[in-house]
Amino acid sequence: MAPIGEPEQPAGLPEDPDEITAELARIAAEVEKRDDGSRGGTARRVRALARRLGNGLAHGGHRLGTGPRNGLRMLTEQLLDAAPRIPVRNLATLRAQHPGARTPEELADLLVAGSVRASTAVGASAGTVAMMPVPLMMPVELASELLASAAIELKLIAELYAVYGQVPEGSARQRSYAYLAVWSEGRGMDLTRPGALLALNRSAALRRQVGRRLTRSGLRKLPTLAPLLAGAVIGARVSRKDTLRLATTVREDLHGRRPADPGYWDAAGA
């Protein structure tokens, strides 16, 4: 595995001194166990993330703010910090791990299925996390679910771009923010246009865009805070639906554009 935006690098989960960012990277890595139907440790990871969020969010041990605006700002910054460190696989690795996938569509089906299973597990887990002493405007359950789901979906987006032969040029950090922009827009943007990555850097515009997406997602996920098993059931259903909708839209957009290298698929399987 490699950090998001660097699918050509060797495997290996990147080290990160920030515990929350590292936990998000581990949650994203669990998706790979879901690709082939194996049981992953997603629920355990989400509980660990919730504990870390309860102790402090972002660098310096800041708390989850005293209101929705501060909480949202901290979640946005945490996601921007995590994006370049989320592990992804290049096309050669994906094809080696899924030798039965003969076409990009078949491989994309497997990746989406694994991500949907992981996202469903996140929603169910967040619905069962015990309440922690944080401001009521930004419950830790909701924060952990939002960040964990985003990490899973960012990994999926980056790998779908590889599957469809549309990995953009640029540095790893530039690509990670480009994929984050795709996630926040909810569609498969054309990242091969000249200057596209430069325009999608860690800017105030991207922060606002990510913040709006987190807000919309948070409103949809509020029912996961229902008591006991009701929250788990609702959380699983909402997370599954959201990830599947995003994956379907991104795939349709990518499928409609030709890869820069028509022979990319065969080259990765050689």
Foldseek 3Di string as FASTA:
>chain_A
DAFQLCQVDDDDQDDDPDPLLSLLLVLQVQLVCLLVPHDGPLLVSLLVNLVVLLQAADPPRHHCDQADVSNLLRLLVSLLVNLRRRDAHALLVLCVVPVVQPALVSSLVSSLRSLLVSLLSLQLSLLAHDWHPGHPNDTSSLSSSLSNLLSNLLRSLSHNCNSLQQSEDDDSQLSSLVSLLCVLVLAADRCHPPCSSVVRHPDPVSSVSNSVSSVVLSVQLVCLNPPDSSSSVSRSVSSSVVSSSSSVRHNVRSVVDHHPDNCSNVVSND
